[in-house]
N, C-alpha and C. Protein backbone atom coordinates (compact mmCIF):
# COMPACT_ATOMS: atom_id res chain seq x y z
N MET A 1 -11.32 -4.03 15.11
CA MET A 1 -10.20 -5.19 14.57
C MET A 1 -9.68 -3.78 13.99
N ARG A 2 -7.44 -4.05 13.74
CA ARG A 2 -7.34 -3.36 13.41
C ARG A 2 -6.75 -3.58 11.94
N THR A 3 -7.19 -2.93 11.17
CA THR A 3 -5.83 -3.39 10.00
C THR A 3 -4.59 -2.71 9.21
N ARG A 4 -4.09 -3.72 8.18
CA ARG A 4 -3.18 -2.20 7.92
C ARG A 4 -3.07 -3.23 6.31
N ASN A 5 -2.79 -1.99 5.42
CA ASN A 5 -3.01 -2.14 4.81
C ASN A 5 -1.86 -3.26 3.59
N ARG A 6 -2.52 -3.02 2.11
CA ARG A 6 -1.03 -4.26 1.57
C ARG A 6 -1.76 -3.68 0.16
N TYR A 7 -0.36 -3.75 -0.82
CA TYR A 7 -0.50 -3.89 -2.02
C TYR A 7 0.02 -5.28 -2.43
N ILE A 8 -1.09 -6.02 -3.17
CA ILE A 8 -1.00 -7.23 -4.34
C ILE A 8 -1.69 -6.47 -5.46
N VAL A 9 -0.44 -7.58 -5.59
CA VAL A 9 -0.83 -7.50 -7.76
C VAL A 9 -2.70 -8.45 -8.47
N ILE A 10 -3.18 -7.76 -8.92
CA ILE A 10 -4.83 -8.95 -9.62
C ILE A 10 -5.01 -9.74 -9.17
N ALA A 11 -3.76 -10.59 -9.90
CA ALA A 11 -4.16 -11.34 -9.69
C ALA A 11 -3.70 -12.71 -8.30
N GLU A 12 -3.08 -12.02 -7.40
CA GLU A 12 -3.74 -12.19 -5.35
C GLU A 12 -4.65 -12.15 -5.20
N ALA A 13 -5.43 -10.91 -5.99
CA ALA A 13 -7.18 -10.85 -5.55
C ALA A 13 -8.02 -11.61 -5.59
N THR A 14 -8.22 -12.01 -3.85
CA THR A 14 -10.24 -13.34 -4.65
C THR A 14 -11.11 -12.78 -3.61
N GLN A 15 -12.53 -12.46 -4.31
CA GLN A 15 -13.61 -11.30 -3.88
C GLN A 15 -13.32 -12.07 -2.54
N ASP A 16 -14.16 -10.80 -2.08
CA ASP A 16 -14.77 -10.73 -0.53
C ASP A 16 -12.78 -9.95 0.23
N MET A 17 -12.02 -9.46 -0.51
CA MET A 17 -11.70 -8.86 -0.14
C MET A 17 -11.79 -7.77 0.12
N VAL A 18 -11.73 -6.43 0.99
CA VAL A 18 -12.05 -4.88 1.04
C VAL A 18 -10.91 -4.47 0.52
N LEU A 19 -11.04 -2.85 -0.44
CA LEU A 19 -9.95 -2.02 -0.52
C LEU A 19 -10.09 -1.57 0.34
N ALA A 20 -8.50 -0.89 0.51
CA ALA A 20 -8.23 0.33 1.78
C ALA A 20 -7.62 1.38 0.59
N GLU A 21 -7.92 1.33 -0.71
CA GLU A 21 -7.51 2.69 -1.33
C GLU A 21 -8.60 2.31 -2.46
N PRO A 22 -9.29 3.41 -3.50
CA PRO A 22 -9.72 3.76 -4.22
C PRO A 22 -8.40 2.87 -5.21
N VAL A 23 -9.55 1.93 -6.45
CA VAL A 23 -8.89 1.78 -7.47
C VAL A 23 -9.48 2.26 -9.13
N GLN A 24 -7.99 2.72 -9.39
CA GLN A 24 -8.03 4.05 -10.38
C GLN A 24 -7.44 3.18 -11.55
N ASP A 25 -8.46 4.37 -13.15
CA ASP A 25 -7.58 3.28 -14.32
C ASP A 25 -6.34 4.15 -14.40
N ARG A 26 -5.56 4.38 -15.60
CA ARG A 26 -4.97 5.14 -15.61
C ARG A 26 -5.05 6.62 -16.34
N TYR A 27 -6.22 7.15 -16.95
CA TYR A 27 -6.95 8.16 -16.99
C TYR A 27 -7.41 8.36 -15.32
N ARG A 28 -7.05 7.80 -13.94
CA ARG A 28 -7.41 9.01 -12.17
C ARG A 28 -9.25 8.81 -12.53
N ILE A 29 -9.25 7.88 -13.36
CA ILE A 29 -10.90 7.86 -12.68
C ILE A 29 -10.84 6.89 -12.01
N THR A 30 -11.79 6.50 -11.29
CA THR A 30 -12.23 5.39 -10.26
C THR A 30 -13.13 4.36 -10.34
N LEU A 31 -12.38 2.90 -10.47
CA LEU A 31 -13.32 2.04 -10.97
C LEU A 31 -14.08 1.47 -9.65
N LEU A 32 -13.14 1.82 -8.60
CA LEU A 32 -13.97 1.05 -7.21
C LEU A 32 -14.03 2.07 -5.99
N PRO A 33 -14.07 2.21 -5.09
CA PRO A 33 -14.17 3.57 -3.72
C PRO A 33 -13.01 2.36 -2.82
N ALA A 34 -13.22 3.26 -2.22
CA ALA A 34 -12.31 2.76 -0.80
C ALA A 34 -13.61 1.72 0.00
N GLY A 35 -13.34 0.52 0.85
CA GLY A 35 -13.67 0.25 1.40
C GLY A 35 -14.85 -0.59 0.21
N ALA A 36 -14.56 -0.07 -0.87
CA ALA A 36 -15.72 -1.71 -1.94
C ALA A 36 -15.64 -3.00 -1.19
N VAL A 37 -16.46 -4.21 -1.77
CA VAL A 37 -15.90 -5.10 -1.07
C VAL A 37 -15.28 -6.11 -2.56
N VAL A 38 -14.00 -6.78 -2.53
CA VAL A 38 -14.53 -7.02 -4.51
C VAL A 38 -15.66 -8.57 -4.09
N SER A 39 -15.78 -8.21 -6.22
CA SER A 39 -16.56 -9.38 -6.35
C SER A 39 -15.90 -9.90 -7.26
N GLN A 40 -16.47 -11.69 -7.79
CA GLN A 40 -15.66 -11.74 -9.02
C GLN A 40 -15.90 -10.80 -10.70
N GLU A 41 -16.83 -10.04 -10.35
CA GLU A 41 -17.44 -8.90 -11.74
C GLU A 41 -17.02 -8.12 -10.97
N ASN A 42 -16.25 -7.58 -9.91
CA ASN A 42 -15.05 -6.33 -9.89
C ASN A 42 -13.69 -6.82 -10.61
N LEU A 43 -13.33 -8.10 -10.67
CA LEU A 43 -12.06 -8.49 -10.10
C LEU A 43 -11.67 -8.86 -11.62
N GLN A 44 -12.90 -9.88 -12.82
CA GLN A 44 -12.94 -9.29 -14.04
C GLN A 44 -12.93 -8.10 -14.74
N GLN A 45 -13.56 -6.65 -14.09
CA GLN A 45 -13.77 -5.73 -14.23
C GLN A 45 -11.88 -4.85 -14.66
N LEU A 46 -11.73 -4.65 -13.17
CA LEU A 46 -10.57 -4.98 -13.22
C LEU A 46 -9.24 -5.19 -14.09
N ALA A 47 -8.90 -6.43 -14.03
CA ALA A 47 -8.37 -7.06 -15.71
C ALA A 47 -8.95 -7.32 -17.03
N ALA A 48 -10.03 -6.38 -17.22
CA ALA A 48 -10.97 -6.12 -18.01
C ALA A 48 -9.93 -4.39 -18.28
N HIS A 49 -9.76 -3.86 -17.32
CA HIS A 49 -8.77 -2.15 -17.66
C HIS A 49 -7.70 -2.27 -17.14
N GLN A 50 -6.57 -3.22 -17.20
CA GLN A 50 -5.85 -3.73 -16.12
C GLN A 50 -4.82 -3.25 -15.36
N ILE A 51 -5.38 -3.40 -14.69
CA ILE A 51 -5.63 -3.28 -13.69
C ILE A 51 -4.06 -4.27 -12.85
N GLU A 52 -3.03 -3.47 -12.59
CA GLU A 52 -2.06 -4.75 -11.94
C GLU A 52 -1.83 -4.45 -10.67
N PHE A 53 -2.43 -3.68 -9.60
CA PHE A 53 -2.88 -3.67 -7.97
C PHE A 53 -2.93 -3.34 -7.46
N ILE A 54 -4.05 -3.38 -6.80
CA ILE A 54 -4.85 -3.21 -5.27
C ILE A 54 -4.16 -2.63 -4.40
N CYS A 55 -5.29 -2.24 -3.50
CA CYS A 55 -4.39 -2.05 -1.73
C CYS A 55 -5.23 -2.64 -1.40
N ILE A 56 -5.39 -3.69 -0.58
CA ILE A 56 -6.18 -4.24 0.21
C ILE A 56 -5.89 -3.97 2.06
N ALA A 57 -7.09 -3.69 2.33
CA ALA A 57 -6.87 -3.84 3.91
C ALA A 57 -7.23 -5.75 4.49
N GLN A 58 -5.96 -5.37 5.27
CA GLN A 58 -6.25 -6.90 5.87
C GLN A 58 -6.43 -6.89 7.67
N PRO A 59 -7.29 -7.65 8.39
CA PRO A 59 -6.31 -7.61 9.94
C PRO A 59 -5.22 -7.91 10.59
N ASP A 60 -5.24 -7.11 10.65
CA ASP A 60 -3.91 -6.71 11.84
C ASP A 60 -3.62 -7.13 13.10
N ALA A 61 -3.15 -8.26 13.19
CA ALA A 61 -2.97 -9.58 14.34
C ALA A 61 -2.14 -8.65 15.66
N ARG A 62 -1.37 -8.29 14.74
CA ARG A 62 -0.32 -7.85 15.95
C ARG A 62 -0.17 -6.77 16.59
N THR A 63 0.84 -6.92 17.80
CA THR A 63 0.31 -6.70 19.76
C THR A 63 1.20 -4.90 19.09
N ASP A 64 0.98 -3.88 19.50
CA ASP A 64 1.12 -2.68 19.85
C ASP A 64 3.35 -3.39 19.92
N ALA A 65 3.38 -3.56 20.12
CA ALA A 65 4.97 -4.01 20.51
C ALA A 65 5.84 -4.30 19.52
N GLU A 66 4.53 -5.31 18.56
CA GLU A 66 5.07 -5.93 17.92
C GLU A 66 5.10 -4.09 16.36
N ILE A 67 4.07 -3.96 16.35
CA ILE A 67 4.21 -3.16 15.35
C ILE A 67 4.93 -1.64 15.39
N ALA A 68 5.55 -2.06 16.52
CA ALA A 68 6.72 -0.34 16.67
C ALA A 68 7.67 -1.78 16.51
N ARG A 69 7.94 -1.95 17.07
CA ARG A 69 9.38 -2.80 16.36
C ARG A 69 9.47 -3.03 14.31
N SER A 70 8.47 -3.62 13.83
CA SER A 70 8.25 -2.99 12.83
C SER A 70 8.47 -2.28 12.36
N ALA A 71 8.47 -1.14 12.96
CA ALA A 71 7.88 0.37 11.75
C ALA A 71 9.96 1.03 12.25
N SER A 72 10.00 0.98 13.46
CA SER A 72 11.66 1.04 14.10
C SER A 72 12.52 0.46 12.88
N ASP A 73 12.23 -1.28 12.91
CA ASP A 73 13.13 -2.21 11.56
C ASP A 73 12.93 -1.23 10.46
N SER A 74 11.67 -0.89 10.24
CA SER A 74 11.82 -0.66 8.87
C SER A 74 12.53 1.09 8.36
N ALA A 75 12.40 2.07 9.56
CA ALA A 75 12.64 2.98 9.46
C ALA A 75 14.89 3.09 9.51
N ARG A 76 15.01 1.85 9.88
CA ARG A 76 16.50 1.95 10.27
C ARG A 76 16.94 1.72 8.62
N GLU A 77 16.03 0.47 7.98
CA GLU A 77 16.46 0.35 7.27
C GLU A 77 15.97 1.79 5.84
N VAL A 78 15.50 2.41 5.76
CA VAL A 78 15.49 3.11 5.04
C VAL A 78 16.54 4.42 5.80
N LEU A 79 16.74 4.25 6.29
CA LEU A 79 17.81 5.06 7.26
C LEU A 79 19.40 5.27 6.25
N ASP A 80 19.67 3.65 6.49
CA ASP A 80 20.38 3.04 6.31
C ASP A 80 20.45 2.92 4.52
N ILE A 81 19.50 2.70 4.03
CA ILE A 81 19.09 3.16 1.96
C ILE A 81 19.95 4.36 1.51
N PHE A 82 19.84 5.45 2.48
CA PHE A 82 19.78 7.27 2.26
C PHE A 82 21.47 8.08 3.55
N ALA A 83 22.45 6.92 3.66
CA ALA A 83 23.21 7.07 4.23
C ALA A 83 23.71 7.92 3.71
N ARG A 84 24.22 8.27 2.02
CA ARG A 84 24.91 8.54 0.81
C ARG A 84 24.54 9.69 1.00
N ALA A 85 22.40 9.94 0.87
CA ALA A 85 21.81 10.38 -0.02
C ALA A 85 21.84 12.44 0.67
N ASP A 86 22.13 13.36 0.06
CA ASP A 86 22.16 14.41 0.30
C ASP A 86 21.14 14.90 0.76
N LEU A 87 20.02 14.15 2.02
CA LEU A 87 18.80 15.13 2.36
C LEU A 87 18.87 16.88 2.50
N SER A 88 18.95 17.19 2.59
CA SER A 88 19.19 18.61 2.12
C SER A 88 18.93 19.13 1.29
N ASP A 89 19.04 17.96 0.07
CA ASP A 89 18.19 18.82 -1.50
C ASP A 89 16.62 18.31 -1.24
N PRO A 90 16.12 19.48 -1.82
CA PRO A 90 14.68 18.97 -1.65
C PRO A 90 14.17 18.04 -2.00
N LEU A 91 14.30 16.77 -3.46
CA LEU A 91 13.82 15.80 -4.31
C LEU A 91 14.66 15.20 -3.33
N MET A 92 15.42 15.12 -2.98
CA MET A 92 16.12 14.12 -1.89
C MET A 92 15.33 14.61 -1.29
N ALA A 93 15.15 14.86 -0.38
CA ALA A 93 14.49 15.07 0.99
C ALA A 93 12.81 13.55 1.23
N ALA A 94 12.23 14.94 -0.11
CA ALA A 94 10.04 14.53 -0.33
C ALA A 94 11.25 12.88 -1.07
N LEU A 95 11.75 12.03 -1.11
CA LEU A 95 11.97 10.56 -2.00
C LEU A 95 11.68 9.84 -0.87
N PHE A 96 12.96 10.16 -0.14
CA PHE A 96 13.73 10.00 1.72
C PHE A 96 11.86 9.85 2.60
N ASP A 97 10.74 11.22 2.17
CA ASP A 97 10.16 10.75 3.03
C ASP A 97 8.80 9.63 2.67
N GLN A 98 8.78 9.66 0.79
CA GLN A 98 7.43 9.19 0.10
C GLN A 98 8.10 7.29 0.54
N VAL A 99 9.71 7.16 0.68
CA VAL A 99 9.84 5.77 1.29
C VAL A 99 9.34 5.27 2.47
N LEU A 100 10.06 6.02 3.26
CA LEU A 100 9.71 6.33 4.58
C LEU A 100 8.11 5.29 4.77
N LEU A 101 7.07 6.36 4.59
CA LEU A 101 5.99 6.56 4.51
C LEU A 101 5.62 4.58 3.47
N TYR A 102 6.11 4.53 3.13
CA TYR A 102 5.91 3.24 1.51
C TYR A 102 5.78 1.46 2.95
N ARG A 103 7.65 1.87 2.84
CA ARG A 103 7.84 1.01 4.07
C ARG A 103 7.13 0.76 5.59
N SER A 104 6.66 2.55 5.78
CA SER A 104 6.48 1.72 7.19
C SER A 104 4.16 1.85 6.97
N ILE A 105 3.86 1.35 5.61
CA ILE A 105 2.70 0.52 5.37
C ILE A 105 2.39 -0.83 6.24
């Protein structure tokens, strides 16, 4: 089954969720690896480390057409946001790329 990544606040996390990305503390020390199944004890530890967000993998039941439409809509929205930006500026182009990547997840 296909999955999609979703960023959630730690307060919304529940046990048995699967991490799509590793969880790191503010010192970049990995607390939990990608693919780990979250337990109640993990949630308490993450709260103790003041982790605010995690990225989970969740089942994606969308059809290929729905995924394509969503990606197209996201790209159009990002293009609208950056309509007046100078994308020949390397910093602006890098920001554009990152926003587009984030919005297409």
